[in-house]
C-alpha atoms as a PDB file:
ATOM      1  CA  UNK A   1     163.096 307.619 269.960  1.00  0.00           C
ATOM      2  CA  UNK A   2     165.349 305.946 273.412  1.00  0.00           C
ATOM      3  CA  UNK A   3     166.118 308.041 276.345  1.00  0.00           C
ATOM      4  CA  UNK A   4     169.199 307.323 277.869  1.00  0.00           C
ATOM      5  CA  UNK A   5     171.178 308.449 280.986  1.00  0.00           C
ATOM      6  CA  UNK A   6     172.926 311.714 279.738  1.00  0.00           C
ATOM      7  CA  UNK A   7     170.494 314.587 277.939  1.00  0.00           C
ATOM      8  CA  UNK A   8     170.430 312.938 274.769  1.00  0.00           C
ATOM      9  CA  UNK A   9     168.058 311.153 272.356  1.00  0.00           C
ATOM     10  CA  UNK A  10     169.280 308.510 270.280  1.00  0.00           C
ATOM     11  CA  UNK A  11     168.103 307.850 266.839  1.00  0.00           C
ATOM     12  CA  UNK A  12     169.458 304.905 265.886  1.00  0.00           C
ATOM     13  CA  UNK A  13     171.531 302.378 267.344  1.00  0.00           C
ATOM     14  CA  UNK A  14     173.818 302.890 270.490  1.00  0.00           C
ATOM     15  CA  UNK A  15     177.421 302.223 269.884  1.00  0.00           C
ATOM     16  CA  UNK A  16     178.293 299.606 272.842  1.00  0.00           C
ATOM     17  CA  UNK A  17     179.138 301.046 275.918  1.00  0.00           C
ATOM     18  CA  UNK A  18     182.918 300.846 276.539  1.00  0.00           C
ATOM     19  CA  UNK A  19     183.883 300.860 272.657  1.00  0.00           C
ATOM     20  CA  UNK A  20     186.356 302.980 272.179  1.00  0.00           C
ATOM     21  CA  UNK A  21     185.973 302.751 267.868  1.00  0.00           C
ATOM     22  CA  UNK A  22     184.582 305.937 267.179  1.00  0.00           C
ATOM     23  CA  UNK A  23     183.343 304.232 263.982  1.00  0.00           C
ATOM     24  CA  UNK A  24     181.019 301.707 265.836  1.00  0.00           C
ATOM     25  CA  UNK A  25     178.924 305.001 266.871  1.00  0.00           C
ATOM     26  CA  UNK A  26     176.255 305.007 263.782  1.00  0.00           C
ATOM     27  CA  UNK A  27     173.696 307.358 265.662  1.00  0.00           C
ATOM     28  CA  UNK A  28     172.255 310.599 265.356  1.00  0.00           C
ATOM     29  CA  UNK A  29     172.331 312.528 268.743  1.00  0.00           C
ATOM     30  CA  UNK A  30     170.082 315.793 269.732  1.00  0.00           C
ATOM     31  CA  UNK A  31     170.702 317.559 272.966  1.00  0.00           C
ATOM     32  CA  UNK A  32     166.975 317.726 274.551  1.00  0.00           C
ATOM     33  CA  UNK A  33     167.445 317.913 278.007  1.00  0.00           C
ATOM     34  CA  UNK A  34     166.128 315.123 280.450  1.00  0.00           C
ATOM     35  CA  UNK A  35     165.073 315.937 283.629  1.00  0.00           C
ATOM     36  CA  UNK A  36     166.694 314.732 286.570  1.00  0.00           C
ATOM     37  CA  UNK A  37     165.590 311.270 287.975  1.00  0.00           C
ATOM     38  CA  UNK A  38     164.345 311.429 291.452  1.00  0.00           C
ATOM     39  CA  UNK A  39     165.742 309.414 293.675  1.00  0.00           C
ATOM     40  CA  UNK A  40     168.893 308.347 296.109  1.00  0.00           C
ATOM     41  CA  UNK A  41     171.824 310.118 295.682  1.00  0.00           C
ATOM     42  CA  UNK A  42     173.667 306.682 294.776  1.00  0.00           C
ATOM     43  CA  UNK A  43     170.928 304.203 293.467  1.00  0.00           C
ATOM     44  CA  UNK A  44     172.149 300.254 293.767  1.00  0.00           C
ATOM     45  CA  UNK A  45     173.197 300.069 290.090  1.00  0.00           C
ATOM     46  CA  UNK A  46     175.666 302.426 290.719  1.00  0.00           C
ATOM     47  CA  UNK A  47     176.758 301.378 294.032  1.00  0.00           C
ATOM     48  CA  UNK A  48     177.659 298.303 292.614  1.00  0.00           C
ATOM     49  CA  UNK A  49     179.683 299.909 289.540  1.00  0.00           C
ATOM     50  CA  UNK A  50     181.479 302.151 291.827  1.00  0.00           C
ATOM     51  CA  UNK A  51     182.300 299.196 293.899  1.00  0.00           C
ATOM     52  CA  UNK A  52     183.332 297.942 290.735  1.00  0.00           C
ATOM     53  CA  UNK A  53     185.535 300.812 289.209  1.00  0.00           C
ATOM     54  CA  UNK A  54     187.616 300.535 292.908  1.00  0.00           C
ATOM     55  CA  UNK A  55     188.526 297.036 291.695  1.00  0.00           C
ATOM     56  CA  UNK A  56     189.247 297.949 288.353  1.00  0.00           C
ATOM     57  CA  UNK A  57     189.845 302.142 288.465  1.00  0.00           C
ATOM     58  CA  UNK A  58     190.787 302.023 284.658  1.00  0.00           C
ATOM     59  CA  UNK A  59     187.369 300.442 283.338  1.00  0.00           C
ATOM     60  CA  UNK A  60     186.447 302.536 280.720  1.00  0.00           C
ATOM     61  CA  UNK A  61     183.374 300.403 280.094  1.00  0.00           C
ATOM     62  CA  UNK A  62     182.070 300.774 283.796  1.00  0.00           C
ATOM     63  CA  UNK A  63     183.328 304.732 284.077  1.00  0.00           C
ATOM     64  CA  UNK A  64     180.766 305.426 281.464  1.00  0.00           C
ATOM     65  CA  UNK A  65     178.037 303.187 282.579  1.00  0.00           C
ATOM     66  CA  UNK A  66     178.434 304.907 286.140  1.00  0.00           C
ATOM     67  CA  UNK A  67     178.338 308.308 284.706  1.00  0.00           C
ATOM     68  CA  UNK A  68     174.857 307.387 283.393  1.00  0.00           C
ATOM     69  CA  UNK A  69     173.766 306.095 286.441  1.00  0.00           C
ATOM     70  CA  UNK A  70     174.756 308.987 288.348  1.00  0.00           C
ATOM     71  CA  UNK A  71     172.991 311.531 285.750  1.00  0.00           C
ATOM     72  CA  UNK A  72     169.942 309.221 285.899  1.00  0.00           C
ATOM     73  CA  UNK A  73     170.139 309.406 289.499  1.00  0.00           C
ATOM     74  CA  UNK A  74     170.285 313.324 289.118  1.00  0.00           C
ATOM     75  CA  UNK A  75     174.022 313.681 290.439  1.00  0.00           C
ATOM     76  CA  UNK A  76     175.710 314.992 287.399  1.00  0.00           C
ATOM     77  CA  UNK A  77     178.477 316.745 290.187  1.00  0.00           C
ATOM     78  CA  UNK A  78     179.366 313.112 290.928  1.00  0.00           C
ATOM     79  CA  UNK A  79     179.279 312.035 287.852  1.00  0.00           C
ATOM     80  CA  UNK A  80     182.104 314.882 287.156  1.00  0.00           C
ATOM     81  CA  UNK A  81     184.210 313.853 290.218  1.00  0.00           C
ATOM     82  CA  UNK A  82     184.591 310.370 289.444  1.00  0.00           C
ATOM     83  CA  UNK A  83     185.317 311.331 285.216  1.00  0.00           C
ATOM     84  CA  UNK A  84     188.086 313.678 286.746  1.00  0.00           C
ATOM     85  CA  UNK A  85     189.236 311.369 288.857  1.00  0.00           C
ATOM     86  CA  UNK A  86     189.089 308.601 285.676  1.00  0.00           C
ATOM     87  CA  UNK A  87     190.820 311.029 283.447  1.00  0.00           C
ATOM     88  CA  UNK A  88     193.825 312.183 285.930  1.00  0.00           C
ATOM     89  CA  UNK A  89     194.661 308.555 286.688  1.00  0.00           C
ATOM     90  CA  UNK A  90     193.761 306.751 283.289  1.00  0.00           C
ATOM     91  CA  UNK A  91     193.968 309.588 280.502  1.00  0.00           C
ATOM     92  CA  UNK A  92     191.411 311.011 278.233  1.00  0.00           C
ATOM     93  CA  UNK A  93     188.747 309.368 276.917  1.00  0.00           C
ATOM     94  CA  UNK A  94     186.110 310.970 274.194  1.00  0.00           C
ATOM     95  CA  UNK A  95     183.650 308.174 275.334  1.00  0.00           C
ATOM     96  CA  UNK A  96     183.104 309.424 278.584  1.00  0.00           C
ATOM     97  CA  UNK A  97     183.369 313.344 277.074  1.00  0.00           C
ATOM     98  CA  UNK A  98     179.899 312.151 276.320  1.00  0.00           C
ATOM     99  CA  UNK A  99     178.505 312.091 280.460  1.00  0.00           C
ATOM    100  CA  UNK A 100     180.718 314.921 281.123  1.00  0.00           C
ATOM    101  CA  UNK A 101     178.848 317.273 278.519  1.00  0.00           C
ATOM    102  CA  UNK A 102     175.646 316.512 279.617  1.00  0.00           C
ATOM    103  CA  UNK A 103     176.744 316.567 283.296  1.00  0.00           C
ATOM    104  CA  UNK A 104     177.990 320.248 282.868  1.00  0.00           C
ATOM    105  CA  UNK A 105     174.798 320.998 280.985  1.00  0.00           C
ATOM    106  CA  UNK A 106     172.511 319.924 283.197  1.00  0.00           C
ATOM    107  CA  UNK A 107     174.033 322.077 285.840  1.00  0.00           C
ATOM    108  CA  UNK A 108     174.335 325.148 283.131  1.00  0.00           C
ATOM    109  CA  UNK A 109     178.295 325.505 283.347  1.00  0.00           C
ATOM    110  CA  UNK A 110     178.848 326.539 279.737  1.00  0.00           C
ATOM    111  CA  UNK A 111     182.535 326.949 279.450  1.00  0.00           C
ATOM    112  CA  UNK A 112     183.211 323.849 280.766  1.00  0.00           C
ATOM    113  CA  UNK A 113     180.465 322.077 278.095  1.00  0.00           C
ATOM    114  CA  UNK A 114     182.173 323.819 275.465  1.00  0.00           C
ATOM    115  CA  UNK A 115     185.365 322.502 276.335  1.00  0.00           C
ATOM    116  CA  UNK A 116     184.386 319.038 276.465  1.00  0.00           C
ATOM    117  CA  UNK A 117     182.597 319.462 272.899  1.00  0.00           C
ATOM    118  CA  UNK A 118     185.350 321.101 271.609  1.00  0.00           C
ATOM    119  CA  UNK A 119     187.880 318.226 272.569  1.00  0.00           C
ATOM    120  CA  UNK A 120     185.213 316.261 270.459  1.00  0.00           C
ATOM    121  CA  UNK A 121     185.323 318.450 267.421  1.00  0.00           C
ATOM    122  CA  UNK A 122     189.040 318.757 267.660  1.00  0.00           C
ATOM    123  CA  UNK A 123     189.174 314.750 267.749  1.00  0.00           C
ATOM    124  CA  UNK A 124     186.321 314.233 265.013  1.00  0.00           C
ATOM    125  CA  UNK A 125     186.226 317.260 262.987  1.00  0.00           C
ATOM    126  CA  UNK A 126     184.129 315.601 260.750  1.00  0.00           C
ATOM    127  CA  UNK A 127     181.190 314.881 262.952  1.00  0.00           C
ATOM    128  CA  UNK A 128     178.216 316.799 262.680  1.00  0.00           C
ATOM    129  CA  UNK A 129     176.366 316.355 266.161  1.00  0.00           C
ATOM    130  CA  UNK A 130     179.654 317.510 267.989  1.00  0.00           C
ATOM    131  CA  UNK A 131     179.372 320.564 266.401  1.00  0.00           C
ATOM    132  CA  UNK A 132     175.644 320.760 267.183  1.00  0.00           C
ATOM    133  CA  UNK A 133     176.329 320.301 271.070  1.00  0.00           C
ATOM    134  CA  UNK A 134     179.092 322.854 271.170  1.00  0.00           C
ATOM    135  CA  UNK A 135     176.596 325.037 269.276  1.00  0.00           C
ATOM    136  CA  UNK A 136     173.804 324.835 272.024  1.00  0.00           C
ATOM    137  CA  UNK A 137     175.956 325.370 274.877  1.00  0.00           C
ATOM    138  CA  UNK A 138     176.979 328.438 272.773  1.00  0.00           C
ATOM    139  CA  UNK A 139     173.726 329.529 272.761  1.00  0.00           C
ATOM    140  CA  UNK A 140     172.639 328.909 276.034  1.00  0.00           C
ATOM    141  CA  UNK A 141     175.699 330.845 277.010  1.00  0.00           C
ATOM    142  CA  UNK A 142     174.416 333.909 274.683  1.00  0.00           C
ATOM    143  CA  UNK A 143     177.298 333.376 272.594  1.00  0.00           C
ATOM    144  CA  UNK A 144     175.082 333.244 269.221  1.00  0.00           C
ATOM    145  CA  UNK A 145     178.181 334.188 266.805  1.00  0.00           C
ATOM    146  CA  UNK A 146     179.677 331.682 267.811  1.00  0.00           C
ATOM    147  CA  UNK A 147     176.498 329.124 267.966  1.00  0.00           C
ATOM    148  CA  UNK A 148     175.960 330.162 263.831  1.00  0.00           C
ATOM    149  CA  UNK A 149     179.373 328.933 263.152  1.00  0.00           C
ATOM    150  CA  UNK A 150     178.799 325.300 264.785  1.00  0.00           C
ATOM    151  CA  UNK A 151     175.129 325.472 263.094  1.00  0.00           C
ATOM    152  CA  UNK A 152     176.035 326.302 259.803  1.00  0.00           C
ATOM    153  CA  UNK A 153     179.119 324.008 259.842  1.00  0.00           C
ATOM    154  CA  UNK A 154     177.070 321.032 261.112  1.00  0.00           C
ATOM    155  CA  UNK A 155     174.394 321.855 258.029  1.00  0.00           C
ATOM    156  CA  UNK A 156     177.322 321.675 255.778  1.00  0.00           C
ATOM    157  CA  UNK A 157     178.159 318.113 256.786  1.00  0.00           C
ATOM    158  CA  UNK A 158     175.122 317.067 256.671  1.00  0.00           C
ATOM    159  CA  UNK A 159     172.058 319.303 254.756  1.00  0.00           C
ATOM    160  CA  UNK A 160     169.164 316.563 255.406  1.00  0.00           C
ATOM    161  CA  UNK A 161     169.655 317.528 259.117  1.00  0.00           C
ATOM    162  CA  UNK A 162     166.005 318.467 260.479  1.00  0.00           C
ATOM    163  CA  UNK A 163     166.347 320.501 263.784  1.00  0.00           C
ATOM    164  CA  UNK A 164     169.038 322.784 263.191  1.00  0.00           C
ATOM    165  CA  UNK A 165     167.700 324.737 260.343  1.00  0.00           C
ATOM    166  CA  UNK A 166     165.544 326.139 262.964  1.00  0.00           C
ATOM    167  CA  UNK A 167     168.142 327.055 265.760  1.00  0.00           C
ATOM    168  CA  UNK A 168     170.239 328.828 262.768  1.00  0.00           C
ATOM    169  CA  UNK A 169     167.245 330.785 261.977  1.00  0.00           C
ATOM    170  CA  UNK A 170     166.405 331.821 265.323  1.00  0.00           C
ATOM    171  CA  UNK A 171     170.049 332.707 265.976  1.00  0.00           C
ATOM    172  CA  UNK A 172     170.053 334.879 262.340  1.00  0.00           C
ATOM    173  CA  UNK A 173     167.259 336.580 263.920  1.00  0.00           C
ATOM    174  CA  UNK A 174     169.409 337.430 267.551  1.00  0.00           C
ATOM    175  CA  UNK A 175     171.996 338.813 265.144  1.00  0.00           C
ATOM    176  CA  UNK A 176     169.771 341.318 263.316  1.00  0.00           C
ATOM    177  CA  UNK A 177     169.782 339.009 260.252  1.00  0.00           C
ATOM    178  CA  UNK A 178     166.327 337.355 259.823  1.00  0.00           C
ATOM    179  CA  UNK A 179     166.704 337.005 256.274  1.00  0.00           C
ATOM    180  CA  UNK A 180     169.508 334.782 256.477  1.00  0.00           C
ATOM    181  CA  UNK A 181     167.311 332.390 257.662  1.00  0.00           C
ATOM    182  CA  UNK A 182     165.676 331.758 254.564  1.00  0.00           C
ATOM    183  CA  UNK A 183     168.090 328.996 252.916  1.00  0.00           C
ATOM    184  CA  UNK A 184     168.534 326.569 256.221  1.00  0.00           C
ATOM    185  CA  UNK A 185     164.858 326.763 256.229  1.00  0.00           C
ATOM    186  CA  UNK A 186     164.466 326.079 252.575  1.00  0.00           C
ATOM    187  CA  UNK A 187     166.857 323.651 252.713  1.00  0.00           C
ATOM    188  CA  UNK A 188     164.723 322.179 255.704  1.00  0.00           C
ATOM    189  CA  UNK A 189     161.940 322.007 253.765  1.00  0.00           C
ATOM    190  CA  UNK A 190     163.225 320.395 250.502  1.00  0.00           C
ATOM    191  CA  UNK A 191     164.780 317.852 252.097  1.00  0.00           C
ATOM    192  CA  UNK A 192     162.418 317.062 255.317  1.00  0.00           C
ATOM    193  CA  UNK A 193     158.766 317.317 253.621  1.00  0.00           C
ATOM    194  CA  UNK A 194     157.357 316.290 256.667  1.00  0.00           C
ATOM    195  CA  UNK A 195     158.623 319.242 258.121  1.00  0.00           C
ATOM    196  CA  UNK A 196     157.161 321.557 255.500  1.00  0.00           C
ATOM    197  CA  UNK A 197     154.127 323.278 257.207  1.00  0.00           C
ATOM    198  CA  UNK A 198     156.530 324.462 259.926  1.00  0.00           C
ATOM    199  CA  UNK A 199     159.407 325.495 257.790  1.00  0.00           C
ATOM    200  CA  UNK A 200     156.553 326.826 255.243  1.00  0.00           C
ATOM    201  CA  UNK A 201     154.851 329.151 257.978  1.00  0.00           C
ATOM    202  CA  UNK A 202     158.486 330.679 259.171  1.00  0.00           C
ATOM    203  CA  UNK A 203     159.301 331.291 255.646  1.00  0.00           C
ATOM    204  CA  UNK A 204     156.094 332.961 254.607  1.00  0.00           C
ATOM    205  CA  UNK A 205     156.596 335.094 257.910  1.00  0.00           C
ATOM    206  CA  UNK A 206     160.302 336.369 256.625  1.00  0.00           C
ATOM    207  CA  UNK A 207     159.791 337.002 252.638  1.00  0.00           C
ATOM    208  CA  UNK A 208     156.368 338.854 254.384  1.00  0.00           C
ATOM    209  CA  UNK A 209     159.238 340.753 255.986  1.00  0.00           C
ATOM    210  CA  UNK A 210     160.367 344.199 253.593  1.00  0.00           C
ATOM    211  CA  UNK A 211     164.019 343.669 254.818  1.00  0.00           C
ATOM    212  CA  UNK A 212     163.753 339.931 252.966  1.00  0.00           C
ATOM    213  CA  UNK A 213     161.759 340.861 250.354  1.00  0.00           C
ATOM    214  CA  UNK A 214     164.229 340.496 247.595  1.00  0.00           C
ATOM    215  CA  UNK A 215     165.231 336.946 248.755  1.00  0.00           C
ATOM    216  CA  UNK A 216     162.499 335.314 246.797  1.00  0.00           C
ATOM    217  CA  UNK A 217     163.347 334.342 243.317  1.00  0.00           C
ATOM    218  CA  UNK A 218     161.634 335.862 240.784  1.00  0.00           C
ATOM    219  CA  UNK A 219     160.518 334.727 237.259  1.00  0.00           C
ATOM    220  CA  UNK A 220     159.543 331.559 235.387  1.00  0.00           C
ATOM    221  CA  UNK A 221     161.633 328.670 233.056  1.00  0.00           C
ATOM    222  CA  UNK A 222     161.938 325.339 231.994  1.00  0.00           C
ATOM    223  CA  UNK A 223     164.879 323.505 231.616  1.00  0.00           C
ATOM    224  CA  UNK A 224     165.001 320.917 229.373  1.00  0.00           C
ATOM    225  CA  UNK A 225     167.513 318.094 229.345  1.00  0.00           C
ATOM    226  CA  UNK A 226     165.825 315.487 227.486  1.00  0.00           C
ATOM    227  CA  UNK A 227     164.461 312.406 229.113  1.00  0.00           C
ATOM    228  CA  UNK A 228     167.264 309.875 229.993  1.00  0.00           C
ATOM    229  CA  UNK A 229     169.378 312.704 230.335  1.00  0.00           C
ATOM    230  CA  UNK A 230     172.332 312.011 232.821  1.00  0.00           C
ATOM    231  CA  UNK A 231     172.774 315.627 233.782  1.00  0.00           C
ATOM    232  CA  UNK A 232     171.312 318.770 233.011  1.00  0.00           C
ATOM    233  CA  UNK A 233     173.704 322.070 232.139  1.00  0.00           C
ATOM    234  CA  UNK A 234     172.435 325.110 231.776  1.00  0.00           C
ATOM    235  CA  UNK A 235     173.179 329.186 230.954  1.00  0.00           C
ATOM    236  CA  UNK A 236     173.922 331.186 233.841  1.00  0.00           C
ATOM    237  CA  UNK A 237     174.258 334.381 234.265  1.00  0.00           C
ATOM    238  CA  UNK A 238     176.437 334.961 237.753  1.00  0.00           C
ATOM    239  CA  UNK A 239     176.263 338.650 239.538  1.00  0.00           C
ATOM    240  CA  UNK A 240     174.596 340.873 236.267  1.00  0.00           C
ATOM    241  CA  UNK A 241     177.526 339.904 233.928  1.00  0.00           C
ATOM    242  CA  UNK A 242     179.751 336.480 233.833  1.00  0.00           C
ATOM    243  CA  UNK A 243     177.856 333.606 231.759  1.00  0.00           C
ATOM    244  CA  UNK A 244     178.523 330.053 232.923  1.00  0.00           C
ATOM    245  CA  UNK A 245     177.664 326.786 232.305  1.00  0.00           C
ATOM    246  CA  UNK A 246     176.474 325.000 235.577  1.00  0.00           C
ATOM    247  CA  UNK A 247     174.720 321.762 235.708  1.00  0.00           C
ATOM    248  CA  UNK A 248     171.717 321.713 237.370  1.00  0.00           C
ATOM    249  CA  UNK A 249     172.329 319.920 240.994  1.00  0.00           C
ATOM    250  CA  UNK A 250     168.947 319.315 243.182  1.00  0.00           C
ATOM    251  CA  UNK A 251     171.588 316.655 245.075  1.00  0.00           C
ATOM    252  CA  UNK A 252     174.120 319.926 245.990  1.00  0.00           C
ATOM    253  CA  UNK A 253     172.795 321.669 249.642  1.00  0.00           C
ATOM    254  CA  UNK A 254     174.412 324.941 247.865  1.00  0.00           C
ATOM    255  CA  UNK A 255     175.797 326.750 244.432  1.00  0.00           C
ATOM    256  CA  UNK A 256     179.195 325.388 243.352  1.00  0.00           C
ATOM    257  CA  UNK A 257     182.338 327.093 241.557  1.00  0.00           C
ATOM    258  CA  UNK A 258     185.072 325.813 240.565  1.00  0.00           C
ATOM    259  CA  UNK A 259     188.122 327.802 241.567  1.00  0.00           C
ATOM    260  CA  UNK A 260     188.571 329.301 237.665  1.00  0.00           C
ATOM    261  CA  UNK A 261     185.545 330.141 237.344  1.00  0.00           C
ATOM    262  CA  UNK A 262     185.248 332.759 240.662  1.00  0.00           C
ATOM    263  CA  UNK A 263     188.675 333.797 240.009  1.00  0.00           C
ATOM    264  CA  UNK A 264     186.768 335.226 236.224  1.00  0.00           C
ATOM    265  CA  UNK A 265     184.060 336.395 238.532  1.00  0.00           C
ATOM    266  CA  UNK A 266     186.645 338.539 240.294  1.00  0.00           C
ATOM    267  CA  UNK A 267     185.457 336.960 244.066  1.00  0.00           C
ATOM    268  CA  UNK A 268     188.139 337.332 246.682  1.00  0.00           C
ATOM    269  CA  UNK A 269     186.931 334.106 247.821  1.00  0.00           C
ATOM    270  CA  UNK A 270     190.384 333.474 249.963  1.00  0.00           C
ATOM    271  CA  UNK A 271     188.939 335.385 252.259  1.00  0.00           C
ATOM    272  CA  UNK A 272     185.849 333.679 252.882  1.00  0.00           C
ATOM    273  CA  UNK A 273     185.041 331.345 255.611  1.00  0.00           C
ATOM    274  CA  UNK A 274     186.594 327.536 255.244  1.00  0.00           C
ATOM    275  CA  UNK A 275     184.026 325.070 255.862  1.00  0.00           C
ATOM    276  CA  UNK A 276     184.124 321.364 255.348  1.00  0.00           C
ATOM    277  CA  UNK A 277     180.875 320.522 253.521  1.00  0.00           C
ATOM    278  CA  UNK A 278     179.290 317.382 251.579  1.00  0.00           C
ATOM    279  CA  UNK A 279     179.699 316.696 248.168  1.00  0.00           C
ATOM    280  CA  UNK A 280     178.807 313.731 245.862  1.00  0.00           C
ATOM    281  CA  UNK A 281     182.958 312.726 246.421  1.00  0.00           C
ATOM    282  CA  UNK A 282     182.736 312.921 250.370  1.00  0.00           C
ATOM    283  CA  UNK A 283     183.353 316.206 252.481  1.00  0.00           C
ATOM    284  CA  UNK A 284     185.853 318.479 250.997  1.00  0.00           C
ATOM    285  CA  UNK A 285     187.197 321.619 252.192  1.00  0.00           C
ATOM    286  CA  UNK A 286     185.349 324.745 250.444  1.00  0.00           C
ATOM    287  CA  UNK A 287     185.554 328.604 250.988  1.00  0.00           C
ATOM    288  CA  UNK A 288     181.554 329.735 251.826  1.00  0.00           C
ATOM    289  CA  UNK A 289     180.670 333.343 250.446  1.00  0.00           C
ATOM    290  CA  UNK A 290     177.480 335.056 248.611  1.00  0.00           C
ATOM    291  CA  UNK A 291     176.721 335.678 245.106  1.00  0.00           C
ATOM    292  CA  UNK A 292     174.581 339.036 244.392  1.00  0.00           C
ATOM    293  CA  UNK A 293     172.667 337.347 241.730  1.00  0.00           C
ATOM    294  CA  UNK A 294     172.059 334.400 240.067  1.00  0.00           C
ATOM    295  CA  UNK A 295     170.175 334.240 236.943  1.00  0.00           C
ATOM    296  CA  UNK A 296     168.874 331.103 235.000  1.00  0.00           C
ATOM    297  CA  UNK A 297     166.854 331.718 231.482  1.00  0.00           C
ATOM    298  CA  UNK A 298     163.632 334.023 233.163  1.00  0.00           C
ATOM    299  CA  UNK A 299     164.057 332.821 236.928  1.00  0.00           C
ATOM    300  CA  UNK A 300     166.688 335.106 239.397  1.00  0.00           C
ATOM    301  CA  UNK A 301     167.119 335.172 242.947  1.00  0.00           C
ATOM    302  CA  UNK A 302     169.837 337.234 245.267  1.00  0.00           C
ATOM    303  CA  UNK A 303     172.150 337.152 247.624  1.00  0.00           C
ATOM    304  CA  UNK A 304     172.598 333.309 247.230  1.00  0.00           C
ATOM    305  CA  UNK A 305     174.889 330.952 249.326  1.00  0.00           C
ATOM    306  CA  UNK A 306     177.630 329.333 247.096  1.00  0.00           C
ATOM    307  CA  UNK A 307     181.075 327.476 248.110  1.00  0.00           C
ATOM    308  CA  UNK A 308     183.910 327.378 246.000  1.00  0.00           C
ATOM    309  CA  UNK A 309     186.200 324.480 245.658  1.00  0.00           C
ATOM    310  CA  UNK A 310     189.136 323.759 243.313  1.00  0.00           C
ATOM    311  CA  UNK A 311     188.198 320.232 243.317  1.00  0.00           C
ATOM    312  CA  UNK A 312     185.503 320.304 241.352  1.00  0.00           C
ATOM    313  CA  UNK A 313     185.755 318.201 237.976  1.00  0.00           C
ATOM    314  CA  UNK A 314     184.472 318.276 234.865  1.00  0.00           C
ATOM    315  CA  UNK A 315     182.420 321.000 235.496  1.00  0.00           C
ATOM    316  CA  UNK A 316     182.320 324.950 235.886  1.00  0.00           C
ATOM    317  CA  UNK A 317     180.031 324.881 238.917  1.00  0.00           C
ATOM    318  CA  UNK A 318     177.182 323.330 240.068  1.00  0.00           C
ATOM    319  CA  UNK A 319     173.390 325.144 240.571  1.00  0.00           C
ATOM    320  CA  UNK A 320     172.211 323.826 244.107  1.00  0.00           C
ATOM    321  CA  UNK A 321     169.828 324.255 246.398  1.00  0.00           C
ATOM    322  CA  UNK A 322     170.728 327.647 247.449  1.00  0.00           C
ATOM    323  CA  UNK A 323     169.188 329.030 244.093  1.00  0.00           C
ATOM    324  CA  UNK A 324     166.974 325.903 243.339  1.00  0.00           C
ATOM    325  CA  UNK A 325     165.639 325.948 246.563  1.00  0.00           C
ATOM    326  CA  UNK A 326     164.280 329.549 245.968  1.00  0.00           C
ATOM    327  CA  UNK A 327     161.306 328.537 243.579  1.00  0.00           C
ATOM    328  CA  UNK A 328     158.383 325.630 243.303  1.00  0.00           C
ATOM    329  CA  UNK A 329     160.213 322.875 241.367  1.00  0.00           C
ATOM    330  CA  UNK A 330     158.029 320.658 239.089  1.00  0.00           C
ATOM    331  CA  UNK A 331     160.297 317.749 237.623  1.00  0.00           C
ATOM    332  CA  UNK A 332     158.580 315.833 234.452  1.00  0.00           C
ATOM    333  CA  UNK A 333     161.031 313.190 233.396  1.00  0.00           C
ATOM    334  CA  UNK A 334     158.699 311.907 231.044  1.00  0.00           C
ATOM    335  CA  UNK A 335     159.352 315.037 229.152  1.00  0.00           C
ATOM    336  CA  UNK A 336     162.511 316.088 230.007  1.00  0.00           C
ATOM    337  CA  UNK A 337     161.834 318.940 231.702  1.00  0.00           C
ATOM    338  CA  UNK A 338     162.493 320.796 235.212  1.00  0.00           C
ATOM    339  CA  UNK A 339     160.135 323.863 235.853  1.00  0.00           C
ATOM    340  CA  UNK A 340     160.836 326.495 238.235  1.00  0.00           C
ATOM    341  CA  UNK A 341     158.172 328.950 239.241  1.00  0.00           C
ATOM    342  CA  UNK A 342     157.963 332.727 240.924  1.00  0.00           C
ATOM    343  CA  UNK A 343     156.708 331.394 244.807  1.00  0.00           C
ATOM    344  CA  UNK A 344     154.553 334.206 244.558  1.00  0.00           C
ATOM    345  CA  UNK A 345     152.562 333.174 241.429  1.00  0.00           C
ATOM    346  CA  UNK A 346     153.282 329.515 242.062  1.00  0.00           C
ATOM    347  CA  UNK A 347     150.497 330.298 245.066  1.00  0.00           C
ATOM    348  CA  UNK A 348     147.795 331.616 242.770  1.00  0.00           C
END
């Protein structure tokens, strides 16, 4: 990982400085704070960039480089002063907001940092990173409820994120809802097995908590799909009474219901929170809520997250990880079976 001037670590290729095409940014950014670099108030590099901007005050590439240099010099306030002068004279520039967000974070100015991130979220609503940035600033401010909303949306956009599930589980605990941390940690364990040890330790603590004991799946079932089958459909009972045929889909981060099935269940999903979520067909608008119980053959789980969408074609719904990850899963493609086992039973 390569540290850059702003307090972010880039895990892929950074877009060229000054490149105003948002699509050129092909990175996952995290908001790890870097220590201020010791040095003079303005380095030679910063002084040269400042002189260049005096000649061409609206040079986008130079202002970004200047702010990043000032952040390295430990001068976040000067970065903000020069940035505001640029915005006033030259107009808004989203790339410069990366640096102003970083400067506000260094100065522990959470409301302006949130404002910078909100502007980026508004301009790029399907970018998970800006949701994370805003969530982290909300968390630092002590606004845990809004931090949770941003973390949840970031995970819905990109379920494979490796750090946010821990942030989200911590935030749920602060809200007095520790059991809600189970699903993001189970999802993390499934998608990022290299982080499994830490996630499983946290999950054991949660499952051992009496108030979370009913969140662990129970029973054992073998789903037969036949070798070479392109998809597995299983008979499911929802909320203890409503039968449905759902496609078993480990690629779906949550249980997904079509609008007709949700209506048959009597769910008032129009009152559930709206969210953008990753699907096989791209990002879609969904409503996120919970099913009281999901039962498949001999296995059952309670308080299962689900998404409702009217864009589902060719199926009543999908049986995704918010249910499947409650169990130990063993797949044998040669025999055409998927076995789900109670984690307590699997541990013995």
